[in-house]
Amino acid sequence: MTRTRIFSGVKPTGHLTLGNYLGAVRQWVEVDQHRADALFCVVDLHALTVEHDPARVRRLTRQVATLFLAAGLDPALCTVFVQSHVDEHTRLSYLLECTGTDGELRRMIQYKEKSAQAQAAGDGVRFSLLSYPVLMAADILAYGAHEVPVGEDQTQHVELTRDLAVRFNRRYGDTFTVPRATRPTLAARVMDLQDPTSKMGKSHGVSAGTVHLLDDADVVRKKIMRAVTDTGRDVVYDREAKPGVTNLLEILAACGGAGRAGRGEAVDPRELAGAYDSYGALKKDTADAVVELLRPLRERHAALAADPGHVDTVLREGAERARATARPVVDAAYAAIGLLPPVR
């Protein structure tokens, strides 16, 4: 029986956040790397779709990879690598561009939103912003992934990947595994502390509402103690009426509640609400829980950052394993679509 294969990645456009950890990385560490043939990638090519500082992209790529390892991804159990280190991603992307349509790409919600923002700012819209969902499809299809754990905002991209795989298979022969999007079972929905109606994002220009994984303890406490709450004084779990309080309850619940952070014992935020009679007490316990959750991760990151040779080895060996998995699939796609193989 074929073992389930999982592919997922993170774009190095900002410092990883509490939302990235509780919403994705913790699931990879505690569940996915143990139950499947799992590949986790720093998708650095996707960071080039917008204006960027090359040195910052390189720095963040290494930082994200190091945080993957610090969080607990084990190279003996899974494959950790950098997208641009494996040429098969870009080799396959062009074939999928020849399979997709302009209309499909222009319907992507993120393209509509980001192109509108760029135009409003008077900036040009890079073609790569339109085409990058095809590269994302290549990321997935090159590895024969069965599952792609994603948040709700990425489901449309996995649907495009499925459509491209099915169309290619019908036209040129059975080549690709058709993947499915999955929702992480451990994922917590973490919202911005200053705007609890928006997701906590690593690319936000204002960081007051964003807890970064490498923030020191005092910074984490300050951000959480200054979190926006709601009118009234009752601590109630209600996403519509009390988004600020609900966000704090969900973060605390994802950490296991007061005094149990880091034990993987997520609890029901509705039950937690009844234990508090003030916003201040809720904020204090949430801050304590997050600090304790992130403490060992920050310590492991510091140790790994002091040994860059080890991280380099992990990324080199990860790219070699990823390449060995992807090359036969991409070579088969080249043959299926009608390209003459190179003379050897």
C-alpha atoms as a PDB file:
ATOM      1  CA  MET A   1       0.000   0.000   0.000  1.00  0.00           C
ATOM      2  CA  THR A   2       1.378   3.419  -1.012  1.00  0.00           C
ATOM      3  CA  ARG A   3       2.099   5.687   1.942  1.00  0.00           C
ATOM      4  CA  THR A   4       0.274   9.010   1.954  1.00  0.00           C
ATOM      5  CA  ARG A   5       2.473  11.844   0.712  1.00  0.00           C
ATOM      6  CA  ILE A   6       2.071  15.408   1.994  1.00  0.00           C
ATOM      7  CA  PHE A   7       3.516  18.616   0.613  1.00  0.00           C
ATOM      8  CA  SER A   8       3.328  22.029   2.256  1.00  0.00           C
ATOM      9  CA  GLY A   9       5.426  25.170   2.337  1.00  0.00           C
ATOM     10  CA  VAL A  10       5.934  28.651   3.697  1.00  0.00           C
ATOM     11  CA  LYS A  11       6.832  31.753   1.721  1.00  0.00           C
ATOM     12  CA  PRO A  12       9.762  33.754   3.202  1.00  0.00           C
ATOM     13  CA  THR A  13       8.137  37.173   2.961  1.00  0.00           C
ATOM     14  CA  GLY A  14       8.289  37.935   6.679  1.00  0.00           C
ATOM     15  CA  HIS A  15       9.189  36.558  10.085  1.00  0.00           C
ATOM     16  CA  LEU A  16       7.138  33.508  11.061  1.00  0.00           C
ATOM     17  CA  THR A  17       4.341  34.245  13.493  1.00  0.00           C
ATOM     18  CA  LEU A  18       2.367  32.582  16.227  1.00  0.00           C
ATOM     19  CA  GLY A  19      -0.335  32.151  13.588  1.00  0.00           C
ATOM     20  CA  ASN A  20       2.037  30.213  11.317  1.00  0.00           C
ATOM     21  CA  TYR A  21       2.997  27.940  14.194  1.00  0.00           C
ATOM     22  CA  LEU A  22      -0.443  27.266  15.665  1.00  0.00           C
ATOM     23  CA  GLY A  23      -2.118  27.217  12.252  1.00  0.00           C
ATOM     24  CA  ALA A  24       0.293  24.926  10.386  1.00  0.00           C
ATOM     25  CA  VAL A  25       3.771  24.105  11.669  1.00  0.00           C
ATOM     26  CA  ARG A  26       2.651  22.464  14.917  1.00  0.00           C
ATOM     27  CA  GLN A  27       0.454  20.063  12.910  1.00  0.00           C
ATOM     28  CA  TRP A  28       3.438  19.191  10.708  1.00  0.00           C
ATOM     29  CA  VAL A  29       5.599  18.477  13.748  1.00  0.00           C
ATOM     30  CA  GLU A  30       3.154  16.594  15.945  1.00  0.00           C
ATOM     31  CA  VAL A  31       1.146  14.696  13.320  1.00  0.00           C
ATOM     32  CA  ASP A  32       2.098  14.895   9.662  1.00  0.00           C
ATOM     33  CA  GLN A  33       5.787  13.954   9.726  1.00  0.00           C
ATOM     34  CA  HIS A  34       4.897  10.813  11.701  1.00  0.00           C
ATOM     35  CA  ARG A  35       1.970   9.560   9.630  1.00  0.00           C
ATOM     36  CA  ALA A  36       3.066  10.289   6.054  1.00  0.00           C
ATOM     37  CA  ASP A  37       5.879  10.743   3.572  1.00  0.00           C
ATOM     38  CA  ALA A  38       6.041  14.485   4.199  1.00  0.00           C
ATOM     39  CA  LEU A  39       7.885  17.267   2.375  1.00  0.00           C
ATOM     40  CA  PHE A  40       8.097  20.754   3.866  1.00  0.00           C
ATOM     41  CA  CYS A  41       9.496  23.502   1.708  1.00  0.00           C
ATOM     42  CA  VAL A  42      10.569  27.131   2.005  1.00  0.00           C
ATOM     43  CA  VAL A  43       8.947  28.387  -1.204  1.00  0.00           C
ATOM     44  CA  ASP A  44      11.387  31.202  -1.891  1.00  0.00           C
ATOM     45  CA  LEU A  45      10.484  31.604  -5.580  1.00  0.00           C
ATOM     46  CA  HIS A  46       7.019  32.753  -4.511  1.00  0.00           C
ATOM     47  CA  ALA A  47       8.608  35.611  -2.573  1.00  0.00           C
ATOM     48  CA  LEU A  48       9.710  37.181  -5.880  1.00  0.00           C
ATOM     49  CA  THR A  49       6.200  37.994  -7.096  1.00  0.00           C
ATOM     50  CA  VAL A  50       6.303  41.393  -5.359  1.00  0.00           C
ATOM     51  CA  GLU A  51       8.932  44.074  -4.766  1.00  0.00           C
ATOM     52  CA  HIS A  52      11.584  42.620  -2.465  1.00  0.00           C
ATOM     53  CA  ASP A  53      15.076  43.073  -1.069  1.00  0.00           C
ATOM     54  CA  PRO A  54      17.234  40.151  -2.327  1.00  0.00           C
ATOM     55  CA  ALA A  55      19.351  40.064   0.840  1.00  0.00           C
ATOM     56  CA  ARG A  56      16.218  39.954   2.996  1.00  0.00           C
ATOM     57  CA  VAL A  57      14.756  37.068   0.994  1.00  0.00           C
ATOM     58  CA  ARG A  58      17.968  35.072   1.489  1.00  0.00           C
ATOM     59  CA  ARG A  59      18.046  35.913   5.206  1.00  0.00           C
ATOM     60  CA  LEU A  60      14.391  35.003   5.754  1.00  0.00           C
ATOM     61  CA  THR A  61      14.727  31.797   3.747  1.00  0.00           C
ATOM     62  CA  ARG A  62      17.427  30.569   6.119  1.00  0.00           C
ATOM     63  CA  GLN A  63      15.490  31.796   9.145  1.00  0.00           C
ATOM     64  CA  VAL A  64      12.315  29.960   8.099  1.00  0.00           C
ATOM     65  CA  ALA A  65      14.242  26.746   7.456  1.00  0.00           C
ATOM     66  CA  THR A  66      15.953  27.039  10.841  1.00  0.00           C
ATOM     67  CA  LEU A  67      12.615  27.629  12.569  1.00  0.00           C
ATOM     68  CA  PHE A  68      11.184  24.527  10.876  1.00  0.00           C
ATOM     69  CA  LEU A  69      13.928  22.515  12.570  1.00  0.00           C
ATOM     70  CA  ALA A  70      13.625  24.397  15.859  1.00  0.00           C
ATOM     71  CA  ALA A  71       9.901  23.681  15.937  1.00  0.00           C
ATOM     72  CA  GLY A  72      10.632  19.968  15.723  1.00  0.00           C
ATOM     73  CA  LEU A  73      10.652  18.882  12.086  1.00  0.00           C
ATOM     74  CA  ASP A  74      13.029  15.929  12.011  1.00  0.00           C
ATOM     75  CA  PRO A  75      15.042  15.333   8.790  1.00  0.00           C
ATOM     76  CA  ALA A  76      15.054  11.627   9.690  1.00  0.00           C
ATOM     77  CA  LEU A  77      11.251  11.628   9.410  1.00  0.00           C
ATOM     78  CA  CYS A  78      10.521  14.221   6.715  1.00  0.00           C
ATOM     79  CA  THR A  79      12.148  16.209   3.919  1.00  0.00           C
ATOM     80  CA  VAL A  80      12.991  19.853   4.609  1.00  0.00           C
ATOM     81  CA  PHE A  81      14.307  21.867   1.671  1.00  0.00           C
ATOM     82  CA  VAL A  82      14.294  25.135  -0.258  1.00  0.00           C
ATOM     83  CA  GLN A  83      12.187  25.374  -3.416  1.00  0.00           C
ATOM     84  CA  SER A  84      14.790  27.076  -5.616  1.00  0.00           C
ATOM     85  CA  HIS A  85      17.302  24.312  -4.827  1.00  0.00           C
ATOM     86  CA  VAL A  86      15.208  21.836  -6.860  1.00  0.00           C
ATOM     87  CA  ASP A  87      14.945  22.749 -10.567  1.00  0.00           C
ATOM     88  CA  GLU A  88      11.950  20.459 -11.129  1.00  0.00           C
ATOM     89  CA  HIS A  89       9.615  23.116  -9.730  1.00  0.00           C
ATOM     90  CA  THR A  90      10.325  25.563 -12.544  1.00  0.00           C
ATOM     91  CA  ARG A  91      10.688  22.816 -15.162  1.00  0.00           C
ATOM     92  CA  LEU A  92       7.167  21.636 -14.457  1.00  0.00           C
ATOM     93  CA  SER A  93       5.670  25.089 -14.004  1.00  0.00           C
ATOM     94  CA  TYR A  94       5.968  25.940 -17.710  1.00  0.00           C
ATOM     95  CA  LEU A  95       4.215  22.729 -18.767  1.00  0.00           C
ATOM     96  CA  LEU A  96       1.350  23.604 -16.441  1.00  0.00           C
ATOM     97  CA  GLU A  97       1.219  27.149 -17.842  1.00  0.00           C
ATOM     98  CA  CYS A  98       0.641  25.420 -21.194  1.00  0.00           C
ATOM     99  CA  THR A  99      -2.216  23.487 -19.587  1.00  0.00           C
ATOM    100  CA  GLY A 100      -3.989  26.274 -17.692  1.00  0.00           C
ATOM    101  CA  THR A 101      -5.902  29.255 -19.038  1.00  0.00           C
ATOM    102  CA  ASP A 102      -5.737  33.002 -18.576  1.00  0.00           C
ATOM    103  CA  GLY A 103      -9.281  33.059 -17.228  1.00  0.00           C
ATOM    104  CA  GLU A 104      -8.531  30.496 -14.514  1.00  0.00           C
ATOM    105  CA  LEU A 105      -5.627  32.525 -13.205  1.00  0.00           C
ATOM    106  CA  ARG A 106      -7.424  35.854 -13.296  1.00  0.00           C
ATOM    107  CA  ARG A 107     -10.199  34.377 -11.151  1.00  0.00           C
ATOM    108  CA  MET A 108      -7.777  33.674  -8.295  1.00  0.00           C
ATOM    109  CA  ILE A 109      -8.938  35.728  -5.314  1.00  0.00           C
ATOM    110  CA  GLN A 110      -5.426  36.583  -4.145  1.00  0.00           C
ATOM    111  CA  TYR A 111      -4.502  37.845  -7.622  1.00  0.00           C
ATOM    112  CA  LYS A 112      -7.557  40.098  -7.672  1.00  0.00           C
ATOM    113  CA  GLU A 113      -6.777  41.490  -4.223  1.00  0.00           C
ATOM    114  CA  LYS A 114      -3.023  41.962  -4.649  1.00  0.00           C
ATOM    115  CA  SER A 115      -3.230  43.377  -8.169  1.00  0.00           C
ATOM    116  CA  ALA A 116      -5.860  45.868  -6.997  1.00  0.00           C
ATOM    117  CA  GLN A 117      -3.588  46.913  -4.124  1.00  0.00           C
ATOM    118  CA  ALA A 118      -0.642  47.334  -6.478  1.00  0.00           C
ATOM    119  CA  GLN A 119      -2.644  49.400  -8.931  1.00  0.00           C
ATOM    120  CA  ALA A 120      -4.046  51.573  -6.137  1.00  0.00           C
ATOM    121  CA  ALA A 121      -0.477  52.273  -5.031  1.00  0.00           C
ATOM    122  CA  GLY A 122       0.493  53.194  -8.584  1.00  0.00           C
ATOM    123  CA  ASP A 123       2.711  50.133  -8.974  1.00  0.00           C
ATOM    124  CA  GLY A 124       2.885  47.772 -11.899  1.00  0.00           C
ATOM    125  CA  VAL A 125       1.522  44.249 -11.509  1.00  0.00           C
ATOM    126  CA  ARG A 126       4.159  41.602 -12.141  1.00  0.00           C
ATOM    127  CA  PHE A 127       3.198  38.747 -14.442  1.00  0.00           C
ATOM    128  CA  SER A 128       4.479  36.359 -11.777  1.00  0.00           C
ATOM    129  CA  LEU A 129       1.683  37.524  -9.487  1.00  0.00           C
ATOM    130  CA  LEU A 130      -0.739  36.128 -12.055  1.00  0.00           C
ATOM    131  CA  SER A 131       1.207  32.962 -12.830  1.00  0.00           C
ATOM    132  CA  TYR A 132       2.436  31.922  -9.382  1.00  0.00           C
ATOM    133  CA  PRO A 133      -0.567  29.640  -8.670  1.00  0.00           C
ATOM    134  CA  VAL A 134       0.735  27.512 -11.544  1.00  0.00           C
ATOM    135  CA  LEU A 135       4.136  27.330  -9.858  1.00  0.00           C
ATOM    136  CA  MET A 136       2.310  26.372  -6.672  1.00  0.00           C
ATOM    137  CA  ALA A 137       0.598  23.591  -8.615  1.00  0.00           C
ATOM    138  CA  ALA A 138       4.002  22.433  -9.865  1.00  0.00           C
ATOM    139  CA  ASP A 139       5.280  22.401  -6.267  1.00  0.00           C
ATOM    140  CA  ILE A 140       2.545  19.929  -5.382  1.00  0.00           C
ATOM    141  CA  LEU A 141       2.286  17.801  -8.527  1.00  0.00           C
ATOM    142  CA  ALA A 142       6.036  17.251  -8.899  1.00  0.00           C
ATOM    143  CA  TYR A 143       6.001  15.142  -5.739  1.00  0.00           C
ATOM    144  CA  GLY A 144       2.864  13.143  -6.344  1.00  0.00           C
ATOM    145  CA  ALA A 145       1.380  14.602  -3.173  1.00  0.00           C
ATOM    146  CA  HIS A 146      -1.915  13.136  -2.028  1.00  0.00           C
ATOM    147  CA  GLU A 147      -2.644  15.786   0.599  1.00  0.00           C
ATOM    148  CA  VAL A 148      -1.934  19.499   0.861  1.00  0.00           C
ATOM    149  CA  PRO A 149      -2.687  20.890   4.335  1.00  0.00           C
ATOM    150  CA  VAL A 150      -3.813  24.480   3.787  1.00  0.00           C
ATOM    151  CA  GLY A 151      -5.822  27.223   5.384  1.00  0.00           C
ATOM    152  CA  GLU A 152      -9.130  28.338   3.948  1.00  0.00           C
ATOM    153  CA  ASP A 153      -7.469  31.135   1.941  1.00  0.00           C
ATOM    154  CA  GLN A 154      -5.367  28.625  -0.045  1.00  0.00           C
ATOM    155  CA  THR A 155      -8.123  26.137  -0.903  1.00  0.00           C
ATOM    156  CA  GLN A 156      -8.759  27.796  -4.277  1.00  0.00           C
ATOM    157  CA  HIS A 157      -5.135  27.209  -5.280  1.00  0.00           C
ATOM    158  CA  VAL A 158      -5.376  23.500  -4.511  1.00  0.00           C
ATOM    159  CA  GLU A 159      -8.564  23.334  -6.568  1.00  0.00           C
ATOM    160  CA  LEU A 160      -6.658  24.868  -9.494  1.00  0.00           C
ATOM    161  CA  THR A 161      -3.925  22.262  -8.976  1.00  0.00           C
ATOM    162  CA  ARG A 162      -6.515  19.496  -9.138  1.00  0.00           C
ATOM    163  CA  ASP A 163      -8.019  20.946 -12.326  1.00  0.00           C
ATOM    164  CA  LEU A 164      -4.620  21.187 -14.014  1.00  0.00           C
ATOM    165  CA  ALA A 165      -3.701  17.623 -13.012  1.00  0.00           C
ATOM    166  CA  VAL A 166      -6.968  16.179 -14.294  1.00  0.00           C
ATOM    167  CA  ARG A 167      -6.751  18.136 -17.574  1.00  0.00           C
ATOM    168  CA  PHE A 168      -3.131  17.118 -18.186  1.00  0.00           C
ATOM    169  CA  ASN A 169      -3.913  13.469 -17.445  1.00  0.00           C
ATOM    170  CA  ARG A 170      -6.882  13.469 -19.855  1.00  0.00           C
ATOM    171  CA  ARG A 171      -4.933  15.122 -22.668  1.00  0.00           C
ATOM    172  CA  TYR A 172      -1.578  13.417 -22.394  1.00  0.00           C
ATOM    173  CA  GLY A 173      -2.025  10.291 -20.312  1.00  0.00           C
ATOM    174  CA  ASP A 174      -2.060   9.440 -16.640  1.00  0.00           C
ATOM    175  CA  THR A 175       0.909  11.379 -15.243  1.00  0.00           C
ATOM    176  CA  PHE A 176      -0.030  13.207 -12.035  1.00  0.00           C
ATOM    177  CA  THR A 177      -1.571  12.247  -8.724  1.00  0.00           C
ATOM    178  CA  VAL A 178      -4.630  14.422  -8.153  1.00  0.00           C
ATOM    179  CA  PRO A 179      -4.176  15.929  -4.669  1.00  0.00           C
ATOM    180  CA  ARG A 180      -6.747  17.065  -2.164  1.00  0.00           C
ATOM    181  CA  ALA A 181      -6.725  19.979   0.239  1.00  0.00           C
ATOM    182  CA  THR A 182      -6.901  19.040   3.913  1.00  0.00           C
ATOM    183  CA  ARG A 183      -7.558  21.153   6.974  1.00  0.00           C
ATOM    184  CA  PRO A 184      -5.081  20.547   9.801  1.00  0.00           C
ATOM    185  CA  THR A 185      -6.742  18.880  12.777  1.00  0.00           C
ATOM    186  CA  LEU A 186      -4.629  20.801  15.311  1.00  0.00           C
ATOM    187  CA  ALA A 187      -4.850  24.165  13.583  1.00  0.00           C
ATOM    188  CA  ALA A 188      -5.901  27.224  15.537  1.00  0.00           C
ATOM    189  CA  ARG A 189      -7.220  30.315  13.842  1.00  0.00           C
ATOM    190  CA  VAL A 190      -5.053  33.172  15.082  1.00  0.00           C
ATOM    191  CA  MET A 191      -6.125  36.722  14.334  1.00  0.00           C
ATOM    192  CA  ASP A 192      -4.224  40.002  14.524  1.00  0.00           C
ATOM    193  CA  LEU A 193      -4.120  41.342  18.085  1.00  0.00           C
ATOM    194  CA  GLN A 194      -4.844  44.883  16.924  1.00  0.00           C
ATOM    195  CA  ASP A 195      -7.387  43.916  14.253  1.00  0.00           C
ATOM    196  CA  PRO A 196      -9.054  40.687  15.378  1.00  0.00           C
ATOM    197  CA  THR A 197     -11.152  40.540  12.209  1.00  0.00           C
ATOM    198  CA  SER A 198      -7.996  39.909  10.125  1.00  0.00           C
ATOM    199  CA  LYS A 199      -5.653  36.939  10.162  1.00  0.00           C
ATOM    200  CA  MET A 200      -2.301  37.383  11.900  1.00  0.00           C
ATOM    201  CA  GLY A 201       0.080  37.631   8.947  1.00  0.00           C
ATOM    202  CA  LYS A 202       3.852  37.619   8.640  1.00  0.00           C
ATOM    203  CA  SER A 203       3.783  40.180   5.801  1.00  0.00           C
ATOM    204  CA  HIS A 204       1.848  42.878   7.644  1.00  0.00           C
ATOM    205  CA  GLY A 205       3.584  46.247   7.609  1.00  0.00           C
ATOM    206  CA  VAL A 206       2.510  47.008  11.201  1.00  0.00           C
ATOM    207  CA  SER A 207       3.712  44.410  13.716  1.00  0.00           C
ATOM    208  CA  ALA A 208       1.998  45.592  16.915  1.00  0.00           C
ATOM    209  CA  GLY A 209      -0.715  42.982  16.460  1.00  0.00           C
ATOM    210  CA  THR A 210       1.596  40.198  15.314  1.00  0.00           C
ATOM    211  CA  VAL A 211       3.509  37.884  17.646  1.00  0.00           C
ATOM    212  CA  HIS A 212       6.618  36.658  15.861  1.00  0.00           C
ATOM    213  CA  LEU A 213       8.156  33.350  16.892  1.00  0.00           C
ATOM    214  CA  LEU A 214      11.466  35.049  17.658  1.00  0.00           C
ATOM    215  CA  ASP A 215      10.028  37.949  19.673  1.00  0.00           C
ATOM    216  CA  ASP A 216      11.552  37.948  23.141  1.00  0.00           C
ATOM    217  CA  ALA A 217       9.322  37.322  26.145  1.00  0.00           C
ATOM    218  CA  ASP A 218       8.891  40.988  27.101  1.00  0.00           C
ATOM    219  CA  VAL A 219       7.805  41.903  23.568  1.00  0.00           C
ATOM    220  CA  VAL A 220       5.322  39.032  23.466  1.00  0.00           C
ATOM    221  CA  ARG A 221       3.805  40.078  26.797  1.00  0.00           C
ATOM    222  CA  LYS A 222       3.563  43.706  25.733  1.00  0.00           C
ATOM    223  CA  LYS A 223       1.799  42.857  22.463  1.00  0.00           C
ATOM    224  CA  ILE A 224      -0.721  40.575  24.131  1.00  0.00           C
ATOM    225  CA  MET A 225      -1.405  42.921  27.064  1.00  0.00           C
ATOM    226  CA  ARG A 226      -2.110  45.683  24.530  1.00  0.00           C
ATOM    227  CA  ALA A 227      -4.403  43.488  22.413  1.00  0.00           C
ATOM    228  CA  VAL A 228      -7.667  45.080  21.303  1.00  0.00           C
ATOM    229  CA  THR A 229     -10.643  43.731  23.226  1.00  0.00           C
ATOM    230  CA  ASP A 230     -14.318  44.639  22.903  1.00  0.00           C
ATOM    231  CA  THR A 231     -17.061  46.779  24.397  1.00  0.00           C
ATOM    232  CA  GLY A 232     -18.504  45.551  27.655  1.00  0.00           C
ATOM    233  CA  ARG A 233     -16.670  43.628  30.364  1.00  0.00           C
ATOM    234  CA  ASP A 234     -17.948  40.060  30.020  1.00  0.00           C
ATOM    235  CA  VAL A 235     -15.491  37.409  28.846  1.00  0.00           C
ATOM    236  CA  VAL A 236     -17.618  35.608  26.256  1.00  0.00           C
ATOM    237  CA  TYR A 237     -16.681  33.375  23.325  1.00  0.00           C
ATOM    238  CA  ASP A 238     -18.484  35.043  20.394  1.00  0.00           C
ATOM    239  CA  ARG A 239     -16.570  35.620  17.161  1.00  0.00           C
ATOM    240  CA  GLU A 240     -19.085  38.127  15.802  1.00  0.00           C
ATOM    241  CA  ALA A 241     -19.866  40.189  18.896  1.00  0.00           C
ATOM    242  CA  LYS A 242     -16.499  39.909  20.690  1.00  0.00           C
ATOM    243  CA  PRO A 243     -13.755  39.156  18.139  1.00  0.00           C
ATOM    244  CA  GLY A 244     -10.934  40.487  20.336  1.00  0.00           C
ATOM    245  CA  VAL A 245     -11.812  38.413  23.395  1.00  0.00           C
ATOM    246  CA  THR A 246     -12.558  35.382  21.225  1.00  0.00           C
ATOM    247  CA  ASN A 247      -9.125  35.647  19.624  1.00  0.00           C
ATOM    248  CA  LEU A 248      -7.422  35.670  23.031  1.00  0.00           C
ATOM    249  CA  LEU A 249      -9.502  32.703  24.174  1.00  0.00           C
ATOM    250  CA  GLU A 250      -8.586  30.739  21.048  1.00  0.00           C
ATOM    251  CA  ILE A 251      -4.882  31.485  21.452  1.00  0.00           C
ATOM    252  CA  LEU A 252      -4.976  30.478  25.114  1.00  0.00           C
ATOM    253  CA  ALA A 253      -6.936  27.325  24.270  1.00  0.00           C
ATOM    254  CA  ALA A 254      -4.467  26.376  21.525  1.00  0.00           C
ATOM    255  CA  CYS A 255      -1.657  26.702  24.083  1.00  0.00           C
ATOM    256  CA  GLY A 256      -3.503  24.341  26.408  1.00  0.00           C
ATOM    257  CA  GLY A 257      -4.935  26.893  28.794  1.00  0.00           C
ATOM    258  CA  ALA A 258      -3.218  28.570  31.710  1.00  0.00           C
ATOM    259  CA  GLY A 259      -0.245  26.665  33.104  1.00  0.00           C
ATOM    260  CA  ARG A 260      -0.171  23.937  30.422  1.00  0.00           C
ATOM    261  CA  ALA A 261       1.443  25.620  27.426  1.00  0.00           C
ATOM    262  CA  GLY A 262       3.551  23.459  25.182  1.00  0.00           C
ATOM    263  CA  ARG A 263       2.012  20.128  26.262  1.00  0.00           C
ATOM    264  CA  GLY A 264      -0.111  19.697  23.131  1.00  0.00           C
ATOM    265  CA  GLU A 265      -3.278  19.758  25.271  1.00  0.00           C
ATOM    266  CA  ALA A 266      -5.514  22.147  23.340  1.00  0.00           C
ATOM    267  CA  VAL A 267      -8.762  22.832  25.198  1.00  0.00           C
ATOM    268  CA  ASP A 268     -12.177  24.254  24.324  1.00  0.00           C
ATOM    269  CA  PRO A 269     -12.077  28.087  24.305  1.00  0.00           C
ATOM    270  CA  ARG A 270     -15.753  28.181  25.281  1.00  0.00           C
ATOM    271  CA  GLU A 271     -14.937  26.391  28.510  1.00  0.00           C
ATOM    272  CA  LEU A 272     -12.076  28.790  29.214  1.00  0.00           C
ATOM    273  CA  ALA A 273     -14.362  31.809  28.920  1.00  0.00           C
ATOM    274  CA  GLY A 274     -16.229  30.852  32.079  1.00  0.00           C
ATOM    275  CA  ALA A 275     -13.017  30.948  34.123  1.00  0.00           C
ATOM    276  CA  TYR A 276     -12.457  34.699  33.637  1.00  0.00           C
ATOM    277  CA  ASP A 277     -14.261  37.736  34.955  1.00  0.00           C
ATOM    278  CA  SER A 278     -11.938  40.367  33.486  1.00  0.00           C
ATOM    279  CA  TYR A 279     -10.073  41.074  30.264  1.00  0.00           C
ATOM    280  CA  GLY A 280      -6.887  41.783  32.196  1.00  0.00           C
ATOM    281  CA  ALA A 281      -6.734  38.317  33.733  1.00  0.00           C
ATOM    282  CA  LEU A 282      -7.391  36.711  30.356  1.00  0.00           C
ATOM    283  CA  LYS A 283      -4.609  38.746  28.742  1.00  0.00           C
ATOM    284  CA  LYS A 284      -2.143  37.880  31.493  1.00  0.00           C
ATOM    285  CA  ASP A 285      -2.771  34.140  31.253  1.00  0.00           C
ATOM    286  CA  THR A 286      -2.652  34.268  27.448  1.00  0.00           C
ATOM    287  CA  ALA A 287       0.657  36.128  27.538  1.00  0.00           C
ATOM    288  CA  ASP A 288       2.117  33.639  30.042  1.00  0.00           C
ATOM    289  CA  ALA A 289       0.962  30.680  27.924  1.00  0.00           C
ATOM    290  CA  VAL A 290       2.400  32.065  24.671  1.00  0.00           C
ATOM    291  CA  VAL A 291       5.724  32.944  26.291  1.00  0.00           C
ATOM    292  CA  GLU A 292       6.017  29.412  27.676  1.00  0.00           C
ATOM    293  CA  LEU A 293       4.999  27.868  24.339  1.00  0.00           C
ATOM    294  CA  LEU A 294       7.644  29.806  22.409  1.00  0.00           C
ATOM    295  CA  ARG A 295      10.474  29.608  24.961  1.00  0.00           C
ATOM    296  CA  PRO A 296      11.886  26.189  23.913  1.00  0.00           C
ATOM    297  CA  LEU A 297      11.454  27.003  20.228  1.00  0.00           C
ATOM    298  CA  ARG A 298      13.467  30.208  20.589  1.00  0.00           C
ATOM    299  CA  GLU A 299      16.169  28.361  22.533  1.00  0.00           C
ATOM    300  CA  ARG A 300      16.462  25.667  19.849  1.00  0.00           C
ATOM    301  CA  HIS A 301      16.536  28.308  17.120  1.00  0.00           C
ATOM    302  CA  ALA A 302      19.427  30.081  18.836  1.00  0.00           C
ATOM    303  CA  ALA A 303      21.386  26.820  19.027  1.00  0.00           C
ATOM    304  CA  LEU A 304      20.728  25.989  15.369  1.00  0.00           C
ATOM    305  CA  ALA A 305      21.540  29.509  14.189  1.00  0.00           C
ATOM    306  CA  ALA A 306      24.917  29.147  15.905  1.00  0.00           C
ATOM    307  CA  ASP A 307      25.578  26.024  13.805  1.00  0.00           C
ATOM    308  CA  PRO A 308      24.791  27.097  10.205  1.00  0.00           C
ATOM    309  CA  GLY A 309      26.745  24.139   8.833  1.00  0.00           C
ATOM    310  CA  HIS A 310      24.156  21.758  10.272  1.00  0.00           C
ATOM    311  CA  VAL A 311      21.289  23.690   8.652  1.00  0.00           C
ATOM    312  CA  ASP A 312      23.179  23.717   5.330  1.00  0.00           C
ATOM    313  CA  THR A 313      23.565  19.937   5.520  1.00  0.00           C
ATOM    314  CA  VAL A 314      19.865  19.443   6.224  1.00  0.00           C
ATOM    315  CA  LEU A 315      18.900  21.660   3.272  1.00  0.00           C
ATOM    316  CA  ARG A 316      21.390  20.025   0.901  1.00  0.00           C
ATOM    317  CA  GLU A 317      20.288  16.505   1.787  1.00  0.00           C
ATOM    318  CA  GLY A 318      16.652  17.563   1.730  1.00  0.00           C
ATOM    319  CA  ALA A 319      17.028  18.999  -1.778  1.00  0.00           C
ATOM    320  CA  GLU A 320      18.710  15.782  -2.931  1.00  0.00           C
ATOM    321  CA  ARG A 321      15.822  13.665  -1.626  1.00  0.00           C
ATOM    322  CA  ALA A 322      13.241  16.054  -3.050  1.00  0.00           C
ATOM    323  CA  ARG A 323      14.967  16.053  -6.450  1.00  0.00           C
ATOM    324  CA  ALA A 324      15.082  12.258  -6.526  1.00  0.00           C
ATOM    325  CA  THR A 325      11.340  12.162  -5.876  1.00  0.00           C
ATOM    326  CA  ALA A 326      10.349  14.899  -8.324  1.00  0.00           C
ATOM    327  CA  ARG A 327      12.609  14.208 -11.313  1.00  0.00           C
ATOM    328  CA  PRO A 328      10.912  10.986 -12.517  1.00  0.00           C
ATOM    329  CA  VAL A 329       7.501  12.670 -12.326  1.00  0.00           C
ATOM    330  CA  VAL A 330       8.634  15.762 -14.231  1.00  0.00           C
ATOM    331  CA  ASP A 331      10.536  13.696 -16.807  1.00  0.00           C
ATOM    332  CA  ALA A 332       7.373  11.666 -17.386  1.00  0.00           C
ATOM    333  CA  ALA A 333       5.388  14.893 -17.875  1.00  0.00           C
ATOM    334  CA  TYR A 334       7.936  16.133 -20.433  1.00  0.00           C
ATOM    335  CA  ALA A 335       7.641  12.889 -22.356  1.00  0.00           C
ATOM    336  CA  ALA A 336       3.831  12.828 -22.144  1.00  0.00           C
ATOM    337  CA  ILE A 337       3.399  16.352 -23.486  1.00  0.00           C
ATOM    338  CA  GLY A 338       5.551  15.611 -26.507  1.00  0.00           C
ATOM    339  CA  LEU A 339       9.037  16.923 -25.786  1.00  0.00           C
ATOM    340  CA  LEU A 340      12.006  15.082 -27.262  1.00  0.00           C
ATOM    341  CA  PRO A 341      14.224  13.704 -24.493  1.00  0.00           C
ATOM    342  CA  PRO A 342      17.806  14.931 -24.410  1.00  0.00           C
ATOM    343  CA  VAL A 343      20.452  12.812 -26.126  1.00  0.00           C
ATOM    344  CA  ARG A 344      22.720  11.263 -23.531  1.00  0.00           C
END
